[in-house]
């Protein structure tokens, strides 16, 4: 049996590097598999991981290193490193997008008179839909909708980042807090 341990190695990252390309585009990394397969880029590494039954997000390691030195458990495969679990979560994310709507979250936010946390809205969403824990990725979907509301000016984030991963450009919020923006009366 061949071992398919795919490892990621970081290249030198210039100070002026595009942070979006670094975090989401997987730039400044090289990939190697213990079986000797040629993996010149991220796409080849993901294809090899898929062909060998490994998660294509963490490449089978169960961990993701977003930037050098910051490692988190892989959310795409529930830290199993397996492709089957990843596919189940992808279906669950698609279902969450259908069930957890902007109107639902907007209505729940309206019930909070002051500041609220992501976890509070996620819990309220789970309760409103009668979902048990782990049934759908409620937190990530609610976070995306709250960020959308923030982008359109309905909400303002009150939290400071919990961690700066690469200066102020790449930051981590664990349980951010928002507040509704009051309409300006004329």
Protein backbone atom coordinates (compact mmCIF):
# COMPACT_ATOMS: atom_id res chain seq x y z
CA UNK A 1 0.00 0.00 0.00
CA UNK A 2 1.38 3.39 -1.01
CA UNK A 3 1.40 6.24 1.47
CA UNK A 4 -0.11 9.44 0.13
CA UNK A 5 0.96 11.99 2.70
CA UNK A 6 0.86 15.36 0.97
CA UNK A 7 2.95 18.02 2.64
CA UNK A 8 2.97 21.75 2.06
CA UNK A 9 6.12 23.82 2.20
CA UNK A 10 6.13 27.60 2.29
CA UNK A 11 8.22 29.64 -0.10
CA UNK A 12 9.58 32.98 1.01
CA UNK A 13 6.69 35.45 1.21
CA UNK A 14 7.56 39.01 0.15
CA UNK A 15 6.37 41.78 2.45
CA UNK A 16 4.23 43.30 -0.33
CA UNK A 17 2.58 39.93 -1.18
CA UNK A 18 -1.09 39.89 -2.13
CA UNK A 19 -2.77 38.62 1.05
CA UNK A 20 -5.86 37.37 -0.79
CA UNK A 21 -3.66 35.30 -3.11
CA UNK A 22 -1.80 34.00 -0.07
CA UNK A 23 -4.83 32.92 1.98
CA UNK A 24 -7.41 32.00 -0.65
CA UNK A 25 -5.25 31.44 -3.72
CA UNK A 26 -2.71 29.24 -1.93
CA UNK A 27 0.19 31.25 -3.35
CA UNK A 28 3.77 30.93 -2.08
CA UNK A 29 3.46 27.18 -1.40
CA UNK A 30 4.84 24.02 -2.92
CA UNK A 31 3.39 20.52 -2.51
CA UNK A 32 4.92 17.05 -2.23
CA UNK A 33 3.46 13.58 -1.83
CA UNK A 34 5.26 10.71 -0.14
CA UNK A 35 4.41 8.48 -3.12
CA UNK A 36 6.57 10.64 -5.39
CA UNK A 37 3.74 12.02 -7.54
CA UNK A 38 4.53 15.29 -9.29
CA UNK A 39 2.53 18.09 -7.63
CA UNK A 40 3.70 21.35 -9.22
CA UNK A 41 0.83 23.47 -7.87
CA UNK A 42 -2.25 23.48 -5.64
CA UNK A 43 -4.54 22.16 -8.40
CA UNK A 44 -2.32 19.09 -8.90
CA UNK A 45 -2.18 18.53 -5.12
CA UNK A 46 -5.99 18.72 -4.85
CA UNK A 47 -6.45 16.34 -7.78
CA UNK A 48 -4.04 13.83 -6.24
CA UNK A 49 -5.76 14.13 -2.86
CA UNK A 50 -9.14 13.51 -4.50
CA UNK A 51 -7.84 10.49 -6.42
CA UNK A 52 -6.46 8.98 -3.22
CA UNK A 53 -9.59 9.60 -1.10
CA UNK A 54 -8.22 12.52 0.86
CA UNK A 55 -9.82 15.87 1.64
CA UNK A 56 -8.96 18.40 -1.06
CA UNK A 57 -8.96 21.31 1.40
CA UNK A 58 -6.36 20.00 3.88
CA UNK A 59 -4.85 17.48 1.44
CA UNK A 60 -5.46 14.67 3.93
CA UNK A 61 -3.57 16.16 6.88
CA UNK A 62 -6.72 17.16 8.85
CA UNK A 63 -5.09 20.57 9.43
CA UNK A 64 -4.91 23.75 7.37
CA UNK A 65 -2.03 26.18 7.64
CA UNK A 66 -3.58 29.43 6.41
CA UNK A 67 -0.38 31.43 6.80
CA UNK A 68 2.98 30.26 8.12
CA UNK A 69 2.62 29.44 11.80
CA UNK A 70 -1.20 29.52 12.00
CA UNK A 71 -2.70 26.04 11.85
CA UNK A 72 -6.37 25.19 12.37
CA UNK A 73 -8.31 21.95 12.21
CA UNK A 74 -9.79 21.49 8.74
CA UNK A 75 -13.46 22.57 8.68
CA UNK A 76 -14.06 21.01 5.24
CA UNK A 77 -13.65 17.40 6.44
CA UNK A 78 -14.31 17.84 10.18
CA UNK A 79 -10.57 17.25 10.74
CA UNK A 80 -10.69 13.68 9.41
CA UNK A 81 -8.56 14.20 6.31
CA UNK A 82 -11.01 12.05 4.32
CA UNK A 83 -12.76 12.93 1.05
CA UNK A 84 -16.07 11.21 1.93
CA UNK A 85 -16.62 13.39 4.98
CA UNK A 86 -15.70 16.47 2.93
CA UNK A 87 -18.38 15.63 0.34
CA UNK A 88 -21.02 15.27 3.06
CA UNK A 89 -20.08 18.71 4.44
CA UNK A 90 -20.20 20.26 0.96
CA UNK A 91 -23.77 19.00 0.56
CA UNK A 92 -24.61 20.34 4.03
CA UNK A 93 -23.19 23.77 3.10
CA UNK A 94 -25.38 23.81 -0.02
CA UNK A 95 -28.42 22.91 2.06
CA UNK A 96 -27.56 25.62 4.60
CA UNK A 97 -27.49 28.21 1.80
CA UNK A 98 -31.03 27.19 0.84
CA UNK A 99 -32.47 27.01 4.38
CA UNK A 100 -30.68 29.87 6.15
CA UNK A 101 -31.72 32.93 4.19
CA UNK A 102 -30.81 36.58 4.48
CA UNK A 103 -34.43 37.39 5.40
CA UNK A 104 -34.36 34.85 8.25
CA UNK A 105 -31.12 36.23 9.70
CA UNK A 106 -32.26 39.83 9.18
CA UNK A 107 -35.43 39.03 11.17
CA UNK A 108 -33.45 37.43 13.99
CA UNK A 109 -31.06 40.39 14.14
CA UNK A 110 -34.06 42.74 14.43
CA UNK A 111 -34.96 41.00 17.70
CA UNK A 112 -31.72 42.14 19.35
CA UNK A 113 -32.04 45.70 20.69
CA UNK A 114 -28.30 46.20 21.12
CA UNK A 115 -25.04 44.53 20.15
CA UNK A 116 -25.04 40.79 19.42
CA UNK A 117 -22.46 38.11 18.79
CA UNK A 118 -22.20 35.69 15.89
CA UNK A 119 -22.80 32.78 18.30
CA UNK A 120 -26.05 34.36 19.53
CA UNK A 121 -27.48 34.72 16.01
CA UNK A 122 -26.28 31.21 15.07
CA UNK A 123 -28.01 29.77 18.17
CA UNK A 124 -31.18 31.74 17.40
CA UNK A 125 -31.09 30.46 13.80
CA UNK A 126 -30.66 26.87 14.94
CA UNK A 127 -33.57 27.29 17.37
CA UNK A 128 -35.82 29.00 14.79
CA UNK A 129 -35.27 26.17 12.31
CA UNK A 130 -35.38 23.39 14.91
CA UNK A 131 -31.92 22.12 13.93
CA UNK A 132 -29.87 19.91 16.20
CA UNK A 133 -26.18 20.71 16.71
CA UNK A 134 -24.06 19.52 13.82
CA UNK A 135 -27.00 19.10 11.43
CA UNK A 136 -25.91 21.98 9.17
CA UNK A 137 -22.96 24.39 9.22
CA UNK A 138 -25.09 27.13 10.79
CA UNK A 139 -22.25 29.29 12.15
CA UNK A 140 -20.36 29.71 8.86
CA UNK A 141 -23.56 30.44 6.92
CA UNK A 142 -24.78 32.99 9.48
CA UNK A 143 -21.32 34.60 9.53
CA UNK A 144 -21.41 35.01 5.74
CA UNK A 145 -24.86 36.62 5.89
CA UNK A 146 -23.87 38.97 8.73
CA UNK A 147 -20.81 40.02 6.72
CA UNK A 148 -23.10 40.63 3.73
CA UNK A 149 -25.34 42.81 5.91
CA UNK A 150 -22.26 44.65 7.13
CA UNK A 151 -21.12 45.25 3.54
CA UNK A 152 -24.50 46.78 2.65
CA UNK A 153 -24.40 49.10 5.67
CA UNK A 154 -27.11 47.40 7.75
CA UNK A 155 -24.64 46.37 10.47
CA UNK A 156 -21.41 47.64 11.90
CA UNK A 157 -18.83 45.33 13.45
CA UNK A 158 -17.83 46.32 16.97
CA UNK A 159 -15.14 43.68 17.56
CA UNK A 160 -11.43 44.07 17.20
CA UNK A 161 -9.61 41.09 15.68
CA UNK A 162 -8.68 38.34 18.13
CA UNK A 163 -5.51 37.60 16.19
CA UNK A 164 -3.49 39.25 13.45
CA UNK A 165 -2.10 36.47 11.27
CA UNK A 166 -0.21 38.65 8.81
CA UNK A 167 -0.40 42.16 10.11
CA UNK A 168 -3.68 44.04 9.74
CA UNK A 169 -4.45 42.50 6.32
CA UNK A 170 -5.16 38.92 7.50
CA UNK A 171 -7.00 38.80 10.81
CA UNK A 172 -9.03 36.28 12.81
CA UNK A 173 -12.30 36.93 14.65
CA UNK A 174 -13.45 34.11 16.95
CA UNK A 175 -16.94 35.36 17.95
CA UNK A 176 -17.35 38.86 16.49
CA UNK A 177 -19.90 41.33 17.72
CA UNK A 178 -22.12 43.54 15.53
CA UNK A 179 -24.78 46.16 16.00
CA UNK A 180 -27.59 47.32 13.72
CA UNK A 181 -27.12 50.70 12.10
CA UNK A 182 -29.93 53.09 12.93
CA UNK A 183 -31.50 54.71 9.88
CA UNK A 184 -30.71 58.41 9.60
CA UNK A 185 -33.84 60.50 10.02
CA UNK A 186 -34.14 63.74 8.09
